[in-house]
Amino acid sequence: MTGVTDPITTGSLGLEDSPVVGACIAYEPTGERWTVLRIALDTNGSRGQVDNQLSDGVSKQLPEIVPGGHGFYTTDPNEKTRAGAMLVKGKARLSIELVKGVEGRDNAADVVALMKLIAPELITASNTDENG
């Protein structure tokens, strides 16, 4: 989905008292660290964030991926290969940002497919209780 062969990747898990549950980033394998893909899971989500993004007229609603989850996906009109998605369930928020996709591919569809693949496991494993 990034078109990058042998990307450099990094990831981390948050501390117990941190709202960040985990994140990973893929970079171009060059001397410069050009980000191509970011994925983050945290506990600062709210349905209002999704509703606000959907009101912009550019973003589209994600199909139901996890019961009770709400999300959107979008593309950047100024960057042909940039796409992103966010899924929120309770306070759990999973974000995917494809910074540099492949020209000629449906990068939004790639982001949605990745969300469908990883969200059921990650959102369920994180804190999804509305009250914290």
N, C-alpha and C. Protein backbone atom coordinates (compact mmCIF):
# COMPACT_ATOMS: atom_id res chain seq x y z
N MET A 1 0.81 -1.21 0.00
CA MET A 1 0.00 0.00 0.00
C MET A 1 0.84 1.26 0.00
N THR A 2 2.11 1.15 0.42
CA THR A 2 2.99 2.32 0.38
C THR A 2 3.89 2.30 -0.84
N GLY A 3 4.08 1.15 -1.43
CA GLY A 3 4.98 1.03 -2.56
C GLY A 3 6.45 1.05 -2.15
N VAL A 4 6.71 1.06 -0.85
CA VAL A 4 8.08 1.12 -0.34
C VAL A 4 8.56 -0.30 -0.04
N THR A 5 9.70 -0.67 -0.59
CA THR A 5 10.31 -1.95 -0.32
C THR A 5 11.22 -1.83 0.89
N ASP A 6 11.11 -2.76 1.82
CA ASP A 6 11.94 -2.79 3.02
C ASP A 6 11.89 -1.48 3.82
N PRO A 7 10.69 -1.04 4.21
CA PRO A 7 10.62 0.20 4.99
C PRO A 7 11.27 0.04 6.36
N ILE A 8 11.69 1.13 6.92
CA ILE A 8 12.17 1.16 8.29
C ILE A 8 10.93 1.34 9.15
N THR A 9 10.78 0.54 10.17
CA THR A 9 9.59 0.65 11.03
C THR A 9 10.00 0.84 12.48
N THR A 10 9.14 1.51 13.21
CA THR A 10 9.34 1.71 14.62
C THR A 10 7.98 1.65 15.29
N GLY A 11 7.95 1.24 16.52
CA GLY A 11 6.67 1.17 17.23
C GLY A 11 6.91 1.23 18.72
N SER A 12 5.84 1.52 19.45
CA SER A 12 5.96 1.60 20.90
C SER A 12 4.60 1.35 21.54
N LEU A 13 4.66 0.98 22.78
CA LEU A 13 3.46 0.85 23.60
C LEU A 13 3.52 1.94 24.66
N GLY A 14 2.37 2.51 25.00
CA GLY A 14 2.32 3.58 25.98
C GLY A 14 2.53 3.08 27.39
N LEU A 15 2.85 4.00 28.26
CA LEU A 15 2.96 3.68 29.67
C LEU A 15 1.57 3.46 30.25
N GLU A 16 1.49 2.81 31.39
CA GLU A 16 0.20 2.46 31.98
C GLU A 16 -0.70 3.67 32.20
N ASP A 17 -0.14 4.81 32.59
CA ASP A 17 -0.95 6.01 32.86
C ASP A 17 -1.06 6.93 31.66
N SER A 18 -0.58 6.50 30.50
CA SER A 18 -0.59 7.32 29.30
C SER A 18 -1.85 7.07 28.48
N PRO A 19 -2.39 8.13 27.84
CA PRO A 19 -3.54 7.91 26.95
C PRO A 19 -3.14 7.22 25.64
N VAL A 20 -1.84 7.20 25.32
CA VAL A 20 -1.38 6.54 24.10
C VAL A 20 -1.18 5.06 24.40
N VAL A 21 -1.92 4.23 23.70
CA VAL A 21 -1.82 2.80 23.90
C VAL A 21 -0.69 2.23 23.05
N GLY A 22 -0.58 2.69 21.82
CA GLY A 22 0.48 2.21 20.95
C GLY A 22 0.53 2.97 19.65
N ALA A 23 1.67 2.90 18.99
CA ALA A 23 1.82 3.57 17.71
C ALA A 23 2.92 2.87 16.91
N CYS A 24 2.80 2.95 15.60
CA CYS A 24 3.88 2.48 14.74
C CYS A 24 3.97 3.38 13.52
N ILE A 25 5.18 3.47 13.01
CA ILE A 25 5.45 4.34 11.86
C ILE A 25 6.35 3.58 10.89
N ALA A 26 6.07 3.73 9.62
CA ALA A 26 6.93 3.17 8.57
C ALA A 26 7.57 4.33 7.82
N TYR A 27 8.87 4.22 7.58
CA TYR A 27 9.64 5.25 6.90
C TYR A 27 10.24 4.71 5.60
N GLU A 28 10.58 5.61 4.70
CA GLU A 28 11.34 5.26 3.51
C GLU A 28 12.71 4.76 3.98
N PRO A 29 13.28 3.75 3.32
CA PRO A 29 14.60 3.24 3.74
C PRO A 29 15.75 4.05 3.14
N THR A 30 15.71 5.35 3.35
CA THR A 30 16.75 6.24 2.83
C THR A 30 17.43 6.91 4.00
N GLY A 31 18.40 7.74 3.73
CA GLY A 31 19.08 8.48 4.78
C GLY A 31 18.14 9.42 5.51
N GLU A 32 17.17 9.95 4.79
CA GLU A 32 16.15 10.83 5.39
C GLU A 32 15.03 9.96 5.93
N ARG A 33 14.42 10.35 7.01
CA ARG A 33 13.32 9.58 7.58
C ARG A 33 11.99 10.16 7.08
N TRP A 34 11.62 9.84 5.85
CA TRP A 34 10.37 10.28 5.27
C TRP A 34 9.29 9.29 5.68
N THR A 35 8.31 9.75 6.43
CA THR A 35 7.23 8.89 6.89
C THR A 35 6.33 8.53 5.72
N VAL A 36 5.95 7.25 5.64
CA VAL A 36 5.02 6.82 4.61
C VAL A 36 3.70 6.32 5.22
N LEU A 37 3.73 5.84 6.48
CA LEU A 37 2.53 5.31 7.11
C LEU A 37 2.62 5.47 8.62
N ARG A 38 1.53 5.95 9.23
CA ARG A 38 1.44 6.09 10.69
C ARG A 38 0.17 5.40 11.17
N ILE A 39 0.28 4.66 12.25
CA ILE A 39 -0.88 4.04 12.89
C ILE A 39 -0.78 4.35 14.37
N ALA A 40 -1.86 4.82 14.97
CA ALA A 40 -1.84 5.15 16.40
C ALA A 40 -3.13 4.69 17.06
N LEU A 41 -3.00 4.19 18.26
CA LEU A 41 -4.14 3.78 19.09
C LEU A 41 -4.02 4.51 20.41
N ASP A 42 -5.08 5.23 20.78
CA ASP A 42 -5.07 5.94 22.05
C ASP A 42 -6.45 5.91 22.69
N THR A 43 -6.57 6.53 23.84
CA THR A 43 -7.84 6.54 24.57
C THR A 43 -8.39 7.95 24.70
N ASN A 44 -8.18 8.77 23.68
CA ASN A 44 -8.70 10.14 23.66
C ASN A 44 -9.79 10.32 22.60
N GLY A 45 -10.48 9.26 22.25
CA GLY A 45 -11.47 9.31 21.20
C GLY A 45 -12.84 9.76 21.67
N SER A 46 -13.61 10.28 20.73
CA SER A 46 -15.02 10.61 20.99
C SER A 46 -15.76 10.57 19.66
N ARG A 47 -17.03 10.24 19.74
CA ARG A 47 -17.84 10.20 18.51
C ARG A 47 -17.90 11.58 17.87
N GLY A 48 -17.84 12.63 18.68
CA GLY A 48 -17.87 13.99 18.15
C GLY A 48 -16.74 14.27 17.17
N GLN A 49 -15.57 13.68 17.39
CA GLN A 49 -14.46 13.86 16.46
C GLN A 49 -14.82 13.31 15.09
N VAL A 50 -15.46 12.16 15.08
CA VAL A 50 -15.86 11.54 13.82
C VAL A 50 -16.95 12.37 13.15
N ASP A 51 -17.97 12.74 13.94
CA ASP A 51 -19.07 13.53 13.39
C ASP A 51 -18.57 14.86 12.81
N ASN A 52 -17.64 15.49 13.50
CA ASN A 52 -17.06 16.75 13.02
C ASN A 52 -16.35 16.56 11.69
N GLN A 53 -15.58 15.50 11.58
CA GLN A 53 -14.86 15.22 10.34
C GLN A 53 -15.83 14.90 9.21
N LEU A 54 -16.89 14.15 9.51
CA LEU A 54 -17.87 13.80 8.47
C LEU A 54 -18.63 15.03 7.96
N SER A 55 -18.71 16.06 8.77
CA SER A 55 -19.45 17.26 8.37
C SER A 55 -18.67 18.11 7.36
N ASP A 56 -17.41 17.76 7.08
CA ASP A 56 -16.61 18.57 6.17
C ASP A 56 -16.99 18.38 4.70
N GLY A 57 -17.78 17.36 4.40
CA GLY A 57 -18.21 17.14 3.03
C GLY A 57 -17.20 16.39 2.17
N VAL A 58 -16.01 16.14 2.69
CA VAL A 58 -14.97 15.42 1.96
C VAL A 58 -14.84 14.00 2.50
N SER A 59 -14.89 13.87 3.81
CA SER A 59 -14.73 12.58 4.46
C SER A 59 -15.98 11.72 4.27
N LYS A 60 -15.77 10.41 4.29
CA LYS A 60 -16.87 9.45 4.14
C LYS A 60 -16.90 8.54 5.35
N GLN A 61 -18.09 8.07 5.67
CA GLN A 61 -18.26 7.20 6.83
C GLN A 61 -17.69 5.81 6.54
N LEU A 62 -16.94 5.28 7.51
CA LEU A 62 -16.46 3.91 7.40
C LEU A 62 -17.64 2.95 7.51
N PRO A 63 -17.56 1.81 6.86
CA PRO A 63 -18.57 0.78 7.11
C PRO A 63 -18.41 0.29 8.54
N GLU A 64 -19.41 -0.42 9.07
CA GLU A 64 -19.28 -0.94 10.43
C GLU A 64 -18.18 -1.99 10.46
N ILE A 65 -17.18 -1.73 11.27
CA ILE A 65 -16.04 -2.63 11.40
C ILE A 65 -16.08 -3.35 12.73
N VAL A 66 -16.42 -2.63 13.79
CA VAL A 66 -16.62 -3.22 15.12
C VAL A 66 -17.96 -2.74 15.64
N PRO A 67 -18.72 -3.59 16.32
CA PRO A 67 -20.01 -3.14 16.86
C PRO A 67 -19.83 -1.94 17.78
N GLY A 68 -20.63 -0.92 17.55
CA GLY A 68 -20.57 0.29 18.37
C GLY A 68 -19.47 1.26 17.96
N GLY A 69 -18.72 0.92 16.93
CA GLY A 69 -17.66 1.80 16.46
C GLY A 69 -18.17 2.76 15.40
N HIS A 70 -17.56 3.93 15.35
CA HIS A 70 -17.92 4.97 14.37
C HIS A 70 -16.63 5.50 13.78
N GLY A 71 -16.63 5.69 12.46
CA GLY A 71 -15.40 6.16 11.86
C GLY A 71 -15.59 6.83 10.53
N PHE A 72 -14.49 7.35 10.02
CA PHE A 72 -14.48 8.01 8.72
C PHE A 72 -13.18 7.66 8.00
N TYR A 73 -13.19 7.90 6.70
CA TYR A 73 -11.97 7.85 5.91
C TYR A 73 -11.99 9.03 4.96
N THR A 74 -10.82 9.45 4.53
CA THR A 74 -10.73 10.64 3.71
C THR A 74 -9.46 10.61 2.86
N THR A 75 -9.44 11.46 1.88
CA THR A 75 -8.24 11.68 1.08
C THR A 75 -7.90 13.16 1.15
N ASP A 76 -6.67 13.48 0.87
CA ASP A 76 -6.22 14.87 0.84
C ASP A 76 -6.33 15.37 -0.59
N PRO A 77 -7.20 16.35 -0.85
CA PRO A 77 -7.36 16.83 -2.22
C PRO A 77 -6.09 17.46 -2.81
N ASN A 78 -5.14 17.85 -1.94
CA ASN A 78 -3.90 18.47 -2.40
C ASN A 78 -2.76 17.46 -2.60
N GLU A 79 -2.91 16.29 -2.06
CA GLU A 79 -1.88 15.25 -2.15
C GLU A 79 -2.55 13.99 -2.71
N LYS A 80 -2.27 13.65 -3.95
CA LYS A 80 -2.97 12.57 -4.64
C LYS A 80 -2.89 11.22 -3.95
N THR A 81 -1.81 10.95 -3.24
CA THR A 81 -1.64 9.61 -2.67
C THR A 81 -1.83 9.57 -1.16
N ARG A 82 -2.27 10.65 -0.54
CA ARG A 82 -2.45 10.71 0.91
C ARG A 82 -3.88 10.34 1.27
N ALA A 83 -4.03 9.48 2.27
CA ALA A 83 -5.36 9.06 2.73
C ALA A 83 -5.29 8.76 4.22
N GLY A 84 -6.43 8.80 4.88
CA GLY A 84 -6.46 8.51 6.31
C GLY A 84 -7.80 7.97 6.74
N ALA A 85 -7.81 7.40 7.94
CA ALA A 85 -9.04 6.89 8.52
C ALA A 85 -8.94 6.94 10.04
N MET A 86 -10.09 7.06 10.68
CA MET A 86 -10.16 7.04 12.13
C MET A 86 -11.39 6.25 12.53
N LEU A 87 -11.22 5.41 13.54
CA LEU A 87 -12.32 4.64 14.10
C LEU A 87 -12.33 4.86 15.60
N VAL A 88 -13.50 5.19 16.14
CA VAL A 88 -13.67 5.45 17.57
C VAL A 88 -14.73 4.51 18.12
N LYS A 89 -14.42 3.94 19.26
CA LYS A 89 -15.42 3.17 20.02
C LYS A 89 -15.20 3.52 21.48
N GLY A 90 -16.21 4.17 22.07
CA GLY A 90 -16.02 4.69 23.43
C GLY A 90 -14.90 5.71 23.39
N LYS A 91 -13.90 5.52 24.23
CA LYS A 91 -12.74 6.42 24.23
C LYS A 91 -11.59 5.90 23.38
N ALA A 92 -11.68 4.67 22.92
CA ALA A 92 -10.61 4.11 22.09
C ALA A 92 -10.67 4.75 20.71
N ARG A 93 -9.50 5.15 20.22
CA ARG A 93 -9.41 5.79 18.90
C ARG A 93 -8.23 5.17 18.14
N LEU A 94 -8.53 4.65 16.96
CA LEU A 94 -7.50 4.09 16.09
C LEU A 94 -7.42 4.97 14.85
N SER A 95 -6.22 5.47 14.57
CA SER A 95 -6.01 6.35 13.42
C SER A 95 -4.97 5.74 12.49
N ILE A 96 -5.25 5.82 11.20
CA ILE A 96 -4.30 5.38 10.18
C ILE A 96 -4.09 6.55 9.24
N GLU A 97 -2.83 6.87 8.99
CA GLU A 97 -2.51 7.93 8.04
C GLU A 97 -1.53 7.37 7.03
N LEU A 98 -1.98 7.23 5.81
CA LEU A 98 -1.12 6.84 4.70
C LEU A 98 -0.57 8.14 4.13
N VAL A 99 0.63 8.49 4.53
CA VAL A 99 1.24 9.75 4.13
C VAL A 99 1.63 9.72 2.66
N LYS A 100 2.16 8.57 2.24
CA LYS A 100 2.59 8.44 0.85
C LYS A 100 2.14 7.07 0.33
N GLY A 101 1.06 7.08 -0.41
CA GLY A 101 0.58 5.86 -1.03
C GLY A 101 1.18 5.72 -2.42
N VAL A 102 0.57 4.87 -3.20
CA VAL A 102 1.06 4.59 -4.55
C VAL A 102 0.18 5.32 -5.55
N GLU A 103 0.80 6.10 -6.43
CA GLU A 103 0.04 6.80 -7.44
C GLU A 103 -0.65 5.79 -8.35
N GLY A 104 -1.93 6.02 -8.62
CA GLY A 104 -2.70 5.13 -9.47
C GLY A 104 -3.50 4.09 -8.69
N ARG A 105 -3.20 3.91 -7.40
CA ARG A 105 -3.97 2.99 -6.56
C ARG A 105 -5.09 3.76 -5.88
N ASP A 106 -6.09 3.04 -5.40
CA ASP A 106 -7.15 3.64 -4.59
C ASP A 106 -6.66 3.63 -3.15
N ASN A 107 -5.94 4.69 -2.78
CA ASN A 107 -5.31 4.76 -1.46
C ASN A 107 -6.33 4.81 -0.33
N ALA A 108 -7.48 5.42 -0.57
CA ALA A 108 -8.53 5.42 0.44
C ALA A 108 -9.02 3.99 0.69
N ALA A 109 -9.18 3.21 -0.36
CA ALA A 109 -9.61 1.81 -0.20
C ALA A 109 -8.54 1.02 0.55
N ASP A 110 -7.27 1.31 0.31
CA ASP A 110 -6.20 0.63 1.04
C ASP A 110 -6.27 0.92 2.53
N VAL A 111 -6.53 2.18 2.89
CA VAL A 111 -6.63 2.56 4.29
C VAL A 111 -7.83 1.89 4.94
N VAL A 112 -8.95 1.85 4.25
CA VAL A 112 -10.15 1.19 4.79
C VAL A 112 -9.88 -0.30 4.97
N ALA A 113 -9.22 -0.93 4.00
CA ALA A 113 -8.91 -2.36 4.11
C ALA A 113 -7.99 -2.63 5.30
N LEU A 114 -7.00 -1.78 5.52
CA LEU A 114 -6.11 -1.95 6.67
C LEU A 114 -6.89 -1.78 7.97
N MET A 115 -7.79 -0.79 8.01
CA MET A 115 -8.60 -0.58 9.20
C MET A 115 -9.44 -1.82 9.49
N LYS A 116 -10.04 -2.40 8.45
CA LYS A 116 -10.84 -3.61 8.63
C LYS A 116 -10.00 -4.77 9.16
N LEU A 117 -8.75 -4.80 8.77
CA LEU A 117 -7.86 -5.87 9.18
C LEU A 117 -7.42 -5.75 10.63
N ILE A 118 -7.05 -4.54 11.07
CA ILE A 118 -6.45 -4.39 12.39
C ILE A 118 -7.39 -3.90 13.49
N ALA A 119 -8.43 -3.17 13.12
CA ALA A 119 -9.30 -2.56 14.14
C ALA A 119 -10.00 -3.57 15.05
N PRO A 120 -10.56 -4.65 14.54
CA PRO A 120 -11.27 -5.56 15.45
C PRO A 120 -10.38 -6.04 16.61
N GLU A 121 -9.13 -6.29 16.34
CA GLU A 121 -8.22 -6.74 17.40
C GLU A 121 -7.79 -5.60 18.30
N LEU A 122 -7.39 -4.47 17.70
CA LEU A 122 -6.82 -3.37 18.48
C LEU A 122 -7.86 -2.60 19.29
N ILE A 123 -8.99 -2.28 18.69
CA ILE A 123 -10.02 -1.53 19.41
C ILE A 123 -10.57 -2.35 20.56
N THR A 124 -10.78 -3.63 20.33
CA THR A 124 -11.31 -4.50 21.38
C THR A 124 -10.34 -4.64 22.53
N ALA A 125 -9.04 -4.67 22.23
CA ALA A 125 -8.02 -4.85 23.26
C ALA A 125 -7.78 -3.59 24.08
N SER A 126 -8.17 -2.42 23.56
CA SER A 126 -7.92 -1.17 24.29
C SER A 126 -9.10 -0.82 25.18
N ASN A 127 -8.98 0.25 25.91
CA ASN A 127 -10.04 0.71 26.81
C ASN A 127 -11.18 1.30 25.99
N THR A 128 -12.30 0.63 25.91
CA THR A 128 -13.43 1.13 25.12
C THR A 128 -14.60 1.59 25.99
N ASP A 129 -14.41 1.60 27.29
CA ASP A 129 -15.47 2.01 28.20
C ASP A 129 -15.71 3.52 28.06
N GLU A 130 -16.94 3.92 27.86
CA GLU A 130 -17.28 5.34 27.71
C GLU A 130 -16.84 6.17 28.92
N ASN A 131 -16.82 5.58 30.11
CA ASN A 131 -16.51 6.32 31.32
C ASN A 131 -15.04 6.20 31.72
N GLY A 132 -14.22 5.59 30.88
CA GLY A 132 -12.80 5.48 31.18
C GLY A 132 -12.50 4.18 31.78
